[in-house]
Amino acid sequence: MSLSPPYTRAVGLALVVGVPLTLVLGMLVAWPWLVAWVAAWSIVTFGFYGLDKSAARAGRIRTPELVLHGLALGGGFPGGWLGRAVFRHKSRHPAFLIVLVMSTLVWGGGLLWWFVLRG
């Protein structure tokens, strides 16, 4: 299950644009701390992807995948998608992609439940 870079970029862009757009449209207006949390962790996650890609190219010690997954699951999933697309990092690792998709689905499901299904 390998996604081509254009598809990855589209997903990353949709997430990075979609979350703030949702805020602007009013769904998350009551929860600015949540948007701040996701934005902050996305910036951190994006940075870690860049650092890890740089380390990979230079042959230095790498960031463990578990750290990258933890950052995505902690709220940095948009930054993970964007970092994956911008740095073309981990784009040939199907197992890594599956975990990133699962992190995104966990957040999406949680937000859906909290804002829509919970009543």
PDB file of N, CA and C in Angstrom:
ATOM      1  N   MET A   1       0.848  -1.179   0.000  1.00  0.00           N
ATOM      2  CA  MET A   1       0.000   0.000   0.000  1.00  0.00           C
ATOM      3  C   MET A   1       0.887   1.233   0.000  1.00  0.00           C
ATOM      4  N   SER A   2       1.233   1.688  -1.164  1.00  0.00           N
ATOM      5  CA  SER A   2       2.091   2.856  -1.267  1.00  0.00           C
ATOM      6  C   SER A   2       1.327   3.978  -1.941  1.00  0.00           C
ATOM      7  N   LEU A   3       1.403   5.145  -1.354  1.00  0.00           N
ATOM      8  CA  LEU A   3       0.734   6.298  -1.932  1.00  0.00           C
ATOM      9  C   LEU A   3       1.747   7.140  -2.690  1.00  0.00           C
ATOM     10  N   SER A   4       1.343   7.625  -3.836  1.00  0.00           N
ATOM     11  CA  SER A   4       2.244   8.474  -4.598  1.00  0.00           C
ATOM     12  C   SER A   4       2.376   9.829  -3.908  1.00  0.00           C
ATOM     13  N   PRO A   5       3.499  10.495  -4.080  1.00  0.00           N
ATOM     14  CA  PRO A   5       3.696  11.802  -3.437  1.00  0.00           C
ATOM     15  C   PRO A   5       2.599  12.824  -3.724  1.00  0.00           C
ATOM     16  N   PRO A   6       2.061  12.932  -4.960  1.00  0.00           N
ATOM     17  CA  PRO A   6       0.983  13.927  -5.149  1.00  0.00           C
ATOM     18  C   PRO A   6      -0.229  13.647  -4.265  1.00  0.00           C
ATOM     19  N   TYR A   7      -0.589  12.374  -4.091  1.00  0.00           N
ATOM     20  CA  TYR A   7      -1.722  12.035  -3.238  1.00  0.00           C
ATOM     21  C   TYR A   7      -1.405  12.386  -1.790  1.00  0.00           C
ATOM     22  N   THR A   8      -0.192  12.107  -1.377  1.00  0.00           N
ATOM     23  CA  THR A   8       0.221  12.422  -0.013  1.00  0.00           C
ATOM     24  C   THR A   8       0.177  13.925   0.220  1.00  0.00           C
ATOM     25  N   ARG A   9       0.653  14.679  -0.741  1.00  0.00           N
ATOM     26  CA  ARG A   9       0.610  16.130  -0.615  1.00  0.00           C
ATOM     27  C   ARG A   9      -0.832  16.621  -0.521  1.00  0.00           C
ATOM     28  N   ALA A  10      -1.710  16.024  -1.306  1.00  0.00           N
ATOM     29  CA  ALA A  10      -3.119  16.436  -1.281  1.00  0.00           C
ATOM     30  C   ALA A  10      -3.749  16.151   0.076  1.00  0.00           C
ATOM     31  N   VAL A  11      -3.453  14.985   0.645  1.00  0.00           N
ATOM     32  CA  VAL A  11      -3.997  14.646   1.963  1.00  0.00           C
ATOM     33  C   VAL A  11      -3.438  15.590   3.021  1.00  0.00           C
ATOM     34  N   GLY A  12      -2.129  15.825   2.983  1.00  0.00           N
ATOM     35  CA  GLY A  12      -1.511  16.744   3.943  1.00  0.00           C
ATOM     36  C   GLY A  12      -2.079  18.142   3.829  1.00  0.00           C
ATOM     37  N   LEU A  13      -2.229  18.620   2.607  1.00  0.00           N
ATOM     38  CA  LEU A  13      -2.788  19.954   2.395  1.00  0.00           C
ATOM     39  C   LEU A  13      -4.232  20.018   2.868  1.00  0.00           C
ATOM     40  N   ALA A  14      -5.002  18.961   2.593  1.00  0.00           N
ATOM     41  CA  ALA A  14      -6.393  18.939   3.044  1.00  0.00           C
ATOM     42  C   ALA A  14      -6.479  18.998   4.564  1.00  0.00           C
ATOM     43  N   LEU A  15      -5.590  18.295   5.252  1.00  0.00           N
ATOM     44  CA  LEU A  15      -5.603  18.316   6.711  1.00  0.00           C
ATOM     45  C   LEU A  15      -5.142  19.660   7.257  1.00  0.00           C
ATOM     46  N   VAL A  16      -4.074  20.190   6.690  1.00  0.00           N
ATOM     47  CA  VAL A  16      -3.541  21.453   7.184  1.00  0.00           C
ATOM     48  C   VAL A  16      -4.507  22.601   6.904  1.00  0.00           C
ATOM     49  N   VAL A  17      -5.177  22.558   5.779  1.00  0.00           N
ATOM     50  CA  VAL A  17      -6.161  23.599   5.451  1.00  0.00           C
ATOM     51  C   VAL A  17      -7.502  23.280   6.099  1.00  0.00           C
ATOM     52  N   GLY A  18      -7.842  22.006   6.157  1.00  0.00           N
ATOM     53  CA  GLY A  18      -9.153  21.606   6.661  1.00  0.00           C
ATOM     54  C   GLY A  18      -9.394  21.924   8.122  1.00  0.00           C
ATOM     55  N   VAL A  19      -8.401  21.694   8.974  1.00  0.00           N
ATOM     56  CA  VAL A  19      -8.588  21.965  10.405  1.00  0.00           C
ATOM     57  C   VAL A  19      -8.809  23.456  10.659  1.00  0.00           C
ATOM     58  N   PRO A  20      -7.951  24.351  10.127  1.00  0.00           N
ATOM     59  CA  PRO A  20      -8.237  25.777  10.336  1.00  0.00           C
ATOM     60  C   PRO A  20      -9.542  26.219   9.676  1.00  0.00           C
ATOM     61  N   LEU A  21      -9.859  25.651   8.508  1.00  0.00           N
ATOM     62  CA  LEU A  21     -11.108  26.014   7.834  1.00  0.00           C
ATOM     63  C   LEU A  21     -12.306  25.612   8.677  1.00  0.00           C
ATOM     64  N   THR A  22     -12.221  24.449   9.297  1.00  0.00           N
ATOM     65  CA  THR A  22     -13.293  24.010  10.186  1.00  0.00           C
ATOM     66  C   THR A  22     -13.453  24.989  11.338  1.00  0.00           C
ATOM     67  N   LEU A  23     -12.333  25.475  11.851  1.00  0.00           N
ATOM     68  CA  LEU A  23     -12.394  26.481  12.914  1.00  0.00           C
ATOM     69  C   LEU A  23     -13.110  27.725  12.426  1.00  0.00           C
ATOM     70  N   VAL A  24     -12.718  28.208  11.254  1.00  0.00           N
ATOM     71  CA  VAL A  24     -13.314  29.421  10.713  1.00  0.00           C
ATOM     72  C   VAL A  24     -14.807  29.215  10.463  1.00  0.00           C
ATOM     73  N   LEU A  25     -15.194  28.060  10.036  1.00  0.00           N
ATOM     74  CA  LEU A  25     -16.604  27.795   9.740  1.00  0.00           C
ATOM     75  C   LEU A  25     -17.443  27.628  11.000  1.00  0.00           C
ATOM     76  N   GLY A  26     -16.807  27.521  12.139  1.00  0.00           N
ATOM     77  CA  GLY A  26     -17.558  27.540  13.376  1.00  0.00           C
ATOM     78  C   GLY A  26     -17.648  26.258  14.164  1.00  0.00           C
ATOM     79  N   MET A  27     -17.235  25.130  13.627  1.00  0.00           N
ATOM     80  CA  MET A  27     -17.398  23.876  14.357  1.00  0.00           C
ATOM     81  C   MET A  27     -16.534  23.830  15.610  1.00  0.00           C
ATOM     82  N   LEU A  28     -15.343  24.404  15.532  1.00  0.00           N
ATOM     83  CA  LEU A  28     -14.422  24.336  16.662  1.00  0.00           C
ATOM     84  C   LEU A  28     -14.234  25.673  17.373  1.00  0.00           C
ATOM     85  N   VAL A  29     -15.092  26.629  17.093  1.00  0.00           N
ATOM     86  CA  VAL A  29     -14.942  27.953  17.682  1.00  0.00           C
ATOM     87  C   VAL A  29     -14.948  27.890  19.205  1.00  0.00           C
ATOM     88  N   ALA A  30     -15.754  27.007  19.751  1.00  0.00           N
ATOM     89  CA  ALA A  30     -15.839  26.890  21.204  1.00  0.00           C
ATOM     90  C   ALA A  30     -14.621  26.189  21.803  1.00  0.00           C
ATOM     91  N   TRP A  31     -13.770  25.648  20.986  1.00  0.00           N
ATOM     92  CA  TRP A  31     -12.634  24.865  21.477  1.00  0.00           C
ATOM     93  C   TRP A  31     -11.314  25.354  20.883  1.00  0.00           C
ATOM     94  N   PRO A  32     -10.981  26.639  21.054  1.00  0.00           N
ATOM     95  CA  PRO A  32      -9.730  27.135  20.470  1.00  0.00           C
ATOM     96  C   PRO A  32      -8.488  26.448  21.035  1.00  0.00           C
ATOM     97  N   TRP A  33      -8.582  25.954  22.266  1.00  0.00           N
ATOM     98  CA  TRP A  33      -7.436  25.250  22.858  1.00  0.00           C
ATOM     99  C   TRP A  33      -7.128  23.982  22.072  1.00  0.00           C
ATOM    100  N   LEU A  34      -8.177  23.331  21.528  1.00  0.00           N
ATOM    101  CA  LEU A  34      -7.967  22.111  20.752  1.00  0.00           C
ATOM    102  C   LEU A  34      -7.239  22.433  19.452  1.00  0.00           C
ATOM    103  N   VAL A  35      -7.653  23.502  18.808  1.00  0.00           N
ATOM    104  CA  VAL A  35      -6.995  23.916  17.574  1.00  0.00           C
ATOM    105  C   VAL A  35      -5.547  24.313  17.865  1.00  0.00           C
ATOM    106  N   ALA A  36      -5.326  25.012  18.953  1.00  0.00           N
ATOM    107  CA  ALA A  36      -3.962  25.397  19.336  1.00  0.00           C
ATOM    108  C   ALA A  36      -3.113  24.163  19.613  1.00  0.00           C
ATOM    109  N   TRP A  37      -3.693  23.180  20.288  1.00  0.00           N
ATOM    110  CA  TRP A  37      -2.991  21.928  20.594  1.00  0.00           C
ATOM    111  C   TRP A  37      -2.549  21.225  19.309  1.00  0.00           C
ATOM    112  N   VAL A  38      -3.498  21.040  18.396  1.00  0.00           N
ATOM    113  CA  VAL A  38      -3.195  20.351  17.138  1.00  0.00           C
ATOM    114  C   VAL A  38      -2.183  21.156  16.325  1.00  0.00           C
ATOM    115  N   ALA A  39      -2.350  22.460  16.278  1.00  0.00           N
ATOM    116  CA  ALA A  39      -1.409  23.294  15.517  1.00  0.00           C
ATOM    117  C   ALA A  39      -0.001  23.209  16.115  1.00  0.00           C
ATOM    118  N   ALA A  40       0.101  23.308  17.423  1.00  0.00           N
ATOM    119  CA  ALA A  40       1.415  23.259  18.072  1.00  0.00           C
ATOM    120  C   ALA A  40       2.093  21.911  17.841  1.00  0.00           C
ATOM    121  N   TRP A  41       1.360  20.833  18.055  1.00  0.00           N
ATOM    122  CA  TRP A  41       1.957  19.512  17.865  1.00  0.00           C
ATOM    123  C   TRP A  41       2.246  19.219  16.398  1.00  0.00           C
ATOM    124  N   SER A  42       1.466  19.823  15.508  1.00  0.00           N
ATOM    125  CA  SER A  42       1.737  19.657  14.078  1.00  0.00           C
ATOM    126  C   SER A  42       3.046  20.335  13.690  1.00  0.00           C
ATOM    127  N   ILE A  43       3.302  21.503  14.254  1.00  0.00           N
ATOM    128  CA  ILE A  43       4.567  22.195  13.981  1.00  0.00           C
ATOM    129  C   ILE A  43       5.736  21.371  14.505  1.00  0.00           C
ATOM    130  N   VAL A  44       5.594  20.846  15.711  1.00  0.00           N
ATOM    131  CA  VAL A  44       6.652  20.007  16.294  1.00  0.00           C
ATOM    132  C   VAL A  44       6.865  18.749  15.447  1.00  0.00           C
ATOM    133  N   THR A  45       5.773  18.101  15.067  1.00  0.00           N
ATOM    134  CA  THR A  45       5.865  16.877  14.269  1.00  0.00           C
ATOM    135  C   THR A  45       6.515  17.151  12.924  1.00  0.00           C
ATOM    136  N   PHE A  46       6.105  18.224  12.263  1.00  0.00           N
ATOM    137  CA  PHE A  46       6.690  18.616  10.985  1.00  0.00           C
ATOM    138  C   PHE A  46       8.200  18.809  11.147  1.00  0.00           C
ATOM    139  N   GLY A  47       8.604  19.481  12.216  1.00  0.00           N
ATOM    140  CA  GLY A  47      10.020  19.686  12.481  1.00  0.00           C
ATOM    141  C   GLY A  47      10.774  18.382  12.670  1.00  0.00           C
ATOM    142  N   PHE A  48      10.163  17.449  13.393  1.00  0.00           N
ATOM    143  CA  PHE A  48      10.812  16.150  13.607  1.00  0.00           C
ATOM    144  C   PHE A  48      10.964  15.389  12.294  1.00  0.00           C
ATOM    145  N   TYR A  49       9.983  15.475  11.417  1.00  0.00           N
ATOM    146  CA  TYR A  49      10.098  14.823  10.111  1.00  0.00           C
ATOM    147  C   TYR A  49      11.279  15.414   9.337  1.00  0.00           C
ATOM    148  N   GLY A  50      11.401  16.738   9.373  1.00  0.00           N
ATOM    149  CA  GLY A  50      12.514  17.382   8.682  1.00  0.00           C
ATOM    150  C   GLY A  50      13.863  16.994   9.261  1.00  0.00           C
ATOM    151  N   LEU A  51      13.940  16.976  10.586  1.00  0.00           N
ATOM    152  CA  LEU A  51      15.198  16.582  11.241  1.00  0.00           C
ATOM    153  C   LEU A  51      15.557  15.134  10.941  1.00  0.00           C
ATOM    154  N   ASP A  52      14.560  14.264  10.944  1.00  0.00           N
ATOM    155  CA  ASP A  52      14.821  12.856  10.678  1.00  0.00           C
ATOM    156  C   ASP A  52      15.251  12.636   9.229  1.00  0.00           C
ATOM    157  N   LYS A  53      14.635  13.363   8.311  1.00  0.00           N
ATOM    158  CA  LYS A  53      15.032  13.246   6.900  1.00  0.00           C
ATOM    159  C   LYS A  53      16.468  13.727   6.725  1.00  0.00           C
ATOM    160  N   SER A  54      16.813  14.821   7.385  1.00  0.00           N
ATOM    161  CA  SER A  54      18.178  15.347   7.325  1.00  0.00           C
ATOM    162  C   SER A  54      19.170  14.338   7.903  1.00  0.00           C
ATOM    163  N   ALA A  55      18.806  13.734   9.024  1.00  0.00           N
ATOM    164  CA  ALA A  55      19.677  12.729   9.649  1.00  0.00           C
ATOM    165  C   ALA A  55      19.830  11.511   8.748  1.00  0.00           C
ATOM    166  N   ALA A  56      18.770  11.125   8.062  1.00  0.00           N
ATOM    167  CA  ALA A  56      18.830   9.974   7.164  1.00  0.00           C
ATOM    168  C   ALA A  56      19.803  10.243   6.012  1.00  0.00           C
ATOM    169  N   ARG A  57      19.731  11.429   5.469  1.00  0.00           N
ATOM    170  CA  ARG A  57      20.620  11.776   4.353  1.00  0.00           C
ATOM    171  C   ARG A  57      22.078  11.869   4.790  1.00  0.00           C
ATOM    172  N   ALA A  58      22.299  12.348   6.015  1.00  0.00           N
ATOM    173  CA  ALA A  58      23.664  12.547   6.502  1.00  0.00           C
ATOM    174  C   ALA A  58      24.235  11.321   7.205  1.00  0.00           C
ATOM    175  N   GLY A  59      23.422  10.293   7.386  1.00  0.00           N
ATOM    176  CA  GLY A  59      23.902   9.091   8.054  1.00  0.00           C
ATOM    177  C   GLY A  59      24.040   9.244   9.550  1.00  0.00           C
ATOM    178  N   ARG A  60      23.312  10.201  10.133  1.00  0.00           N
ATOM    179  CA  ARG A  60      23.353  10.419  11.585  1.00  0.00           C
ATOM    180  C   ARG A  60      22.290   9.554  12.275  1.00  0.00           C
ATOM    181  N   ILE A  61      22.298   9.630  13.605  1.00  0.00           N
ATOM    182  CA  ILE A  61      21.316   8.900  14.404  1.00  0.00           C
ATOM    183  C   ILE A  61      19.925   9.426  14.071  1.00  0.00           C
ATOM    184  N   ARG A  62      19.004   8.494  13.841  1.00  0.00           N
ATOM    185  CA  ARG A  62      17.655   8.820  13.403  1.00  0.00           C
ATOM    186  C   ARG A  62      16.689   8.926  14.565  1.00  0.00           C
ATOM    187  N   THR A  63      15.594   9.598  14.325  1.00  0.00           N
ATOM    188  CA  THR A  63      14.486   9.650  15.275  1.00  0.00           C
ATOM    189  C   THR A  63      13.732   8.328  15.167  1.00  0.00           C
ATOM    190  N   PRO A  64      13.506   7.643  16.273  1.00  0.00           N
ATOM    191  CA  PRO A  64      12.762   6.380  16.199  1.00  0.00           C
ATOM    192  C   PRO A  64      11.352   6.596  15.631  1.00  0.00           C
ATOM    193  N   GLU A  65      10.897   5.638  14.844  1.00  0.00           N
ATOM    194  CA  GLU A  65       9.556   5.736  14.264  1.00  0.00           C
ATOM    195  C   GLU A  65       8.496   5.852  15.349  1.00  0.00           C
ATOM    196  N   LEU A  66       8.731   5.214  16.481  1.00  0.00           N
ATOM    197  CA  LEU A  66       7.777   5.284  17.585  1.00  0.00           C
ATOM    198  C   LEU A  66       7.574   6.733  18.040  1.00  0.00           C
ATOM    199  N   VAL A  67       8.628   7.531  18.011  1.00  0.00           N
ATOM    200  CA  VAL A  67       8.514   8.948  18.380  1.00  0.00           C
ATOM    201  C   VAL A  67       7.655   9.679  17.355  1.00  0.00           C
ATOM    202  N   LEU A  68       7.920   9.445  16.074  1.00  0.00           N
ATOM    203  CA  LEU A  68       7.126  10.094  15.027  1.00  0.00           C
ATOM    204  C   LEU A  68       5.654   9.692  15.125  1.00  0.00           C
ATOM    205  N   HIS A  69       5.402   8.416  15.389  1.00  0.00           N
ATOM    206  CA  HIS A  69       4.016   7.949  15.554  1.00  0.00           C
ATOM    207  C   HIS A  69       3.372   8.572  16.785  1.00  0.00           C
ATOM    208  N   GLY A  70       4.129   8.658  17.870  1.00  0.00           N
ATOM    209  CA  GLY A  70       3.597   9.249  19.096  1.00  0.00           C
ATOM    210  C   GLY A  70       3.236  10.715  18.910  1.00  0.00           C
ATOM    211  N   LEU A  71       4.058  11.439  18.180  1.00  0.00           N
ATOM    212  CA  LEU A  71       3.765  12.846  17.900  1.00  0.00           C
ATOM    213  C   LEU A  71       2.486  12.980  17.076  1.00  0.00           C
ATOM    214  N   ALA A  72       2.320  12.117  16.093  1.00  0.00           N
ATOM    215  CA  ALA A  72       1.108  12.157  15.266  1.00  0.00           C
ATOM    216  C   ALA A  72      -0.122  11.819  16.101  1.00  0.00           C
ATOM    217  N   LEU A  73      -0.014  10.799  16.912  1.00  0.00           N
ATOM    218  CA  LEU A  73      -1.144  10.391  17.740  1.00  0.00           C
ATOM    219  C   LEU A  73      -1.456  11.430  18.811  1.00  0.00           C
ATOM    220  N   GLY A  74      -0.438  12.156  19.263  1.00  0.00           N
ATOM    221  CA  GLY A  74      -0.634  13.198  20.267  1.00  0.00           C
ATOM    222  C   GLY A  74      -1.301  14.447  19.727  1.00  0.00           C
ATOM    223  N   GLY A  75      -1.533  14.506  18.440  1.00  0.00           N
ATOM    224  CA  GLY A  75      -2.207  15.652  17.839  1.00  0.00           C
ATOM    225  C   GLY A  75      -1.480  16.239  16.652  1.00  0.00           C
ATOM    226  N   GLY A  76      -0.289  15.743  16.359  1.00  0.00           N
ATOM    227  CA  GLY A  76       0.494  16.297  15.263  1.00  0.00           C
ATOM    228  C   GLY A  76       0.278  15.625  13.927  1.00  0.00           C
ATOM    229  N   PHE A  77      -0.846  14.933  13.766  1.00  0.00           N
ATOM    230  CA  PHE A  77      -1.089  14.210  12.522  1.00  0.00           C
ATOM    231  C   PHE A  77      -1.085  15.110  11.278  1.00  0.00           C
ATOM    232  N   PRO A  78      -1.630  16.364  11.327  1.00  0.00           N
ATOM    233  CA  PRO A  78      -1.514  17.201  10.122  1.00  0.00           C
ATOM    234  C   PRO A  78      -0.054  17.511   9.781  1.00  0.00           C
ATOM    235  N   GLY A  79       0.751  17.765  10.788  1.00  0.00           N
ATOM    236  CA  GLY A  79       2.172  18.008  10.561  1.00  0.00           C
ATOM    237  C   GLY A  79       2.882  16.775  10.032  1.00  0.00           C
ATOM    238  N   GLY A  80       2.413  15.599  10.455  1.00  0.00           N
ATOM    239  CA  GLY A  80       2.970  14.350   9.933  1.00  0.00           C
ATOM    240  C   GLY A  80       2.686  14.187   8.445  1.00  0.00           C
ATOM    241  N   TRP A  81       1.444  14.464   8.063  1.00  0.00           N
ATOM    242  CA  TRP A  81       1.092  14.375   6.639  1.00  0.00           C
ATOM    243  C   TRP A  81       1.877  15.390   5.822  1.00  0.00           C
ATOM    244  N   LEU A  82       1.955  16.602   6.340  1.00  0.00           N
ATOM    245  CA  LEU A  82       2.665  17.649   5.611  1.00  0.00           C
ATOM    246  C   LEU A  82       4.155  17.348   5.552  1.00  0.00           C
ATOM    247  N   GLY A  83       4.733  16.903   6.658  1.00  0.00           N
ATOM    248  CA  GLY A  83       6.147  16.547   6.672  1.00  0.00           C
ATOM    249  C   GLY A  83       6.457  15.398   5.735  1.00  0.00           C
ATOM    250  N   ARG A  84       5.563  14.450   5.683  1.00  0.00           N
ATOM    251  CA  ARG A  84       5.726  13.308   4.781  1.00  0.00           C
ATOM    252  C   ARG A  84       5.747  13.772   3.331  1.00  0.00           C
ATOM    253  N   ALA A  85       4.875  14.725   3.010  1.00  0.00           N
ATOM    254  CA  ALA A  85       4.792  15.217   1.637  1.00  0.00           C
ATOM    255  C   ALA A  85       5.944  16.164   1.293  1.00  0.00           C
ATOM    256  N   VAL A  86       6.213  17.118   2.170  1.00  0.00           N
ATOM    257  CA  VAL A  86       7.237  18.133   1.878  1.00  0.00           C
ATOM    258  C   VAL A  86       8.629  17.512   1.819  1.00  0.00           C
ATOM    259  N   PHE A  87       8.946  16.673   2.790  1.00  0.00           N
ATOM    260  CA  PHE A  87      10.282  16.088   2.852  1.00  0.00           C
ATOM    261  C   PHE A  87      10.380  14.759   2.108  1.00  0.00           C
ATOM    262  N   ARG A  88       9.242  14.299   1.576  1.00  0.00           N
ATOM    263  CA  ARG A  88       9.183  12.979   0.921  1.00  0.00           C
ATOM    264  C   ARG A  88       9.797  11.938   1.855  1.00  0.00           C
ATOM    265  N   HIS A  89       9.352  11.989   3.095  1.00  0.00           N
ATOM    266  CA  HIS A  89       9.935  11.158   4.141  1.00  0.00           C
ATOM    267  C   HIS A  89       8.981  10.023   4.499  1.00  0.00           C
ATOM    268  N   LYS A  90       9.518   8.844   4.587  1.00  0.00           N
ATOM    269  CA  LYS A  90       8.771   7.631   4.922  1.00  0.00           C
ATOM    270  C   LYS A  90       7.698   7.340   3.873  1.00  0.00           C
ATOM    271  N   SER A  91       7.903   7.821   2.656  1.00  0.00           N
ATOM    272  CA  SER A  91       6.894   7.635   1.616  1.00  0.00           C
ATOM    273  C   SER A  91       6.937   6.244   0.989  1.00  0.00           C
ATOM    274  N   ARG A  92       7.964   5.482   1.286  1.00  0.00           N
ATOM    275  CA  ARG A  92       8.070   4.119   0.746  1.00  0.00           C
ATOM    276  C   ARG A  92       7.914   3.057   1.836  1.00  0.00           C
ATOM    277  N   HIS A  93       7.321   3.456   2.938  1.00  0.00           N
ATOM    278  CA  HIS A  93       7.147   2.542   4.068  1.00  0.00           C
ATOM    279  C   HIS A  93       5.657   2.352   4.331  1.00  0.00           C
ATOM    280  N   PRO A  94       5.050   1.309   3.757  1.00  0.00           N
ATOM    281  CA  PRO A  94       3.604   1.101   3.922  1.00  0.00           C
ATOM    282  C   PRO A  94       3.181   0.974   5.384  1.00  0.00           C
ATOM    283  N   ALA A  95       3.977   0.314   6.206  1.00  0.00           N
ATOM    284  CA  ALA A  95       3.600   0.145   7.616  1.00  0.00           C
ATOM    285  C   ALA A  95       3.566   1.496   8.323  1.00  0.00           C
ATOM    286  N   PHE A  96       4.493   2.365   7.976  1.00  0.00           N
ATOM    287  CA  PHE A  96       4.513   3.704   8.580  1.00  0.00           C
ATOM    288  C   PHE A  96       3.257   4.474   8.172  1.00  0.00           C
ATOM    289  N   LEU A  97       2.892   4.360   6.908  1.00  0.00           N
ATOM    290  CA  LEU A  97       1.699   5.035   6.410  1.00  0.00           C
ATOM    291  C   LEU A  97       0.445   4.535   7.113  1.00  0.00           C
ATOM    292  N   ILE A  98       0.366   3.234   7.333  1.00  0.00           N
ATOM    293  CA  ILE A  98      -0.810   2.667   8.001  1.00  0.00           C
ATOM    294  C   ILE A  98      -0.978   3.265   9.393  1.00  0.00           C
ATOM    295  N   VAL A  99       0.112   3.418  10.125  1.00  0.00           N
ATOM    296  CA  VAL A  99       0.031   3.980  11.475  1.00  0.00           C
ATOM    297  C   VAL A  99      -0.359   5.460  11.415  1.00  0.00           C
ATOM    298  N   LEU A 100       0.162   6.189  10.437  1.00  0.00           N
ATOM    299  CA  LEU A 100      -0.218   7.597  10.290  1.00  0.00           C
ATOM    300  C   LEU A 100      -1.700   7.721   9.940  1.00  0.00           C
ATOM    301  N   VAL A 101      -2.177   6.872   9.066  1.00  0.00           N
ATOM    302  CA  VAL A 101      -3.613   6.868   8.728  1.00  0.00           C
ATOM    303  C   VAL A 101      -4.435   6.532   9.962  1.00  0.00           C
ATOM    304  N   MET A 102      -3.994   5.558  10.738  1.00  0.00           N
ATOM    305  CA  MET A 102      -4.730   5.177  11.944  1.00  0.00           C
ATOM    306  C   MET A 102      -4.759   6.325  12.955  1.00  0.00           C
ATOM    307  N   SER A 103      -3.649   7.041  13.113  1.00  0.00           N
ATOM    308  CA  SER A 103      -3.616   8.196  14.012  1.00  0.00           C
ATOM    309  C   SER A 103      -4.613   9.253  13.556  1.00  0.00           C
ATOM    310  N   THR A 104      -4.660   9.482  12.267  1.00  0.00           N
ATOM    311  CA  THR A 104      -5.590  10.465  11.707  1.00  0.00           C
ATOM    312  C   THR A 104      -7.031  10.027  11.939  1.00  0.00           C
ATOM    313  N   LEU A 105      -7.299   8.742  11.743  1.00  0.00           N
ATOM    314  CA  LEU A 105      -8.655   8.227  11.952  1.00  0.00           C
ATOM    315  C   LEU A 105      -9.066   8.289  13.419  1.00  0.00           C
ATOM    316  N   VAL A 106      -8.132   8.043  14.310  1.00  0.00           N
ATOM    317  CA  VAL A 106      -8.431   8.154  15.741  1.00  0.00           C
ATOM    318  C   VAL A 106      -8.849   9.574  16.067  1.00  0.00           C
ATOM    319  N   TRP A 107      -8.087  10.552  15.583  1.00  0.00           N
ATOM    320  CA  TRP A 107      -8.439  11.959  15.831  1.00  0.00           C
ATOM    321  C   TRP A 107      -9.747  12.328  15.142  1.00  0.00           C
ATOM    322  N   GLY A 108      -9.902  11.904  13.899  1.00  0.00           N
ATOM    323  CA  GLY A 108     -11.142  12.200  13.174  1.00  0.00           C
ATOM    324  C   GLY A 108     -12.345  11.589  13.855  1.00  0.00           C
ATOM    325  N   GLY A 109     -12.215  10.339  14.281  1.00  0.00           N
ATOM    326  CA  GLY A 109     -13.311   9.676  14.994  1.00  0.00           C
ATOM    327  C   GLY A 109     -13.611  10.346  16.320  1.00  0.00           C
ATOM    328  N   GLY A 110     -12.568  10.734  17.036  1.00  0.00           N
ATOM    329  CA  GLY A 110     -12.764  11.420  18.309  1.00  0.00           C
ATOM    330  C   GLY A 110     -13.461  12.755  18.133  1.00  0.00           C
ATOM    331  N   LEU A 111     -13.046  13.503  17.128  1.00  0.00           N
ATOM    332  CA  LEU A 111     -13.691  14.795  16.857  1.00  0.00           C
ATOM    333  C   LEU A 111     -15.133  14.612  16.397  1.00  0.00           C
ATOM    334  N   LEU A 112     -15.357  13.622  15.555  1.00  0.00           N
ATOM    335  CA  LEU A 112     -16.719  13.334  15.104  1.00  0.00           C
ATOM    336  C   LEU A 112     -17.610  12.984  16.289  1.00  0.00           C
ATOM    337  N   TRP A 113     -17.114  12.123  17.158  1.00  0.00           N
ATOM    338  CA  TRP A 113     -17.901  11.748  18.327  1.00  0.00           C
ATOM    339  C   TRP A 113     -18.151  12.966  19.225  1.00  0.00           C
ATOM    340  N   TRP A 114     -17.103  13.733  19.504  1.00  0.00           N
ATOM    341  CA  TRP A 114     -17.222  14.849  20.438  1.00  0.00           C
ATOM    342  C   TRP A 114     -18.175  15.926  19.934  1.00  0.00           C
ATOM    343  N   PHE A 115     -18.056  16.296  18.676  1.00  0.00           N
ATOM    344  CA  PHE A 115     -18.800  17.431  18.147  1.00  0.00           C
ATOM    345  C   PHE A 115     -20.127  17.058  17.502  1.00  0.00           C
ATOM    346  N   VAL A 116     -20.291  15.821  17.071  1.00  0.00           N
ATOM    347  CA  VAL A 116     -21.508  15.479  16.336  1.00  0.00           C
ATOM    348  C   VAL A 116     -22.324  14.410  17.053  1.00  0.00           C
ATOM    349  N   LEU A 117     -21.747  13.281  17.313  1.00  0.00           N
ATOM    350  CA  LEU A 117     -22.499  12.135  17.811  1.00  0.00           C
ATOM    351  C   LEU A 117     -22.840  12.231  19.297  1.00  0.00           C
ATOM    352  N   ARG A 118     -22.058  12.946  20.039  1.00  0.00           N
ATOM    353  CA  ARG A 118     -22.249  13.044  21.477  1.00  0.00           C
ATOM    354  C   ARG A 118     -23.507  13.825  21.819  1.00  0.00           C
ATOM    355  N   GLY A 119     -23.892  14.677  20.911  1.00  0.00           N
ATOM    356  CA  GLY A 119     -25.110  15.455  21.139  1.00  0.00           C
ATOM    357  C   GLY A 119     -24.806  16.659  21.859  1.00  0.00           C
TER     358      GLY A 119
END
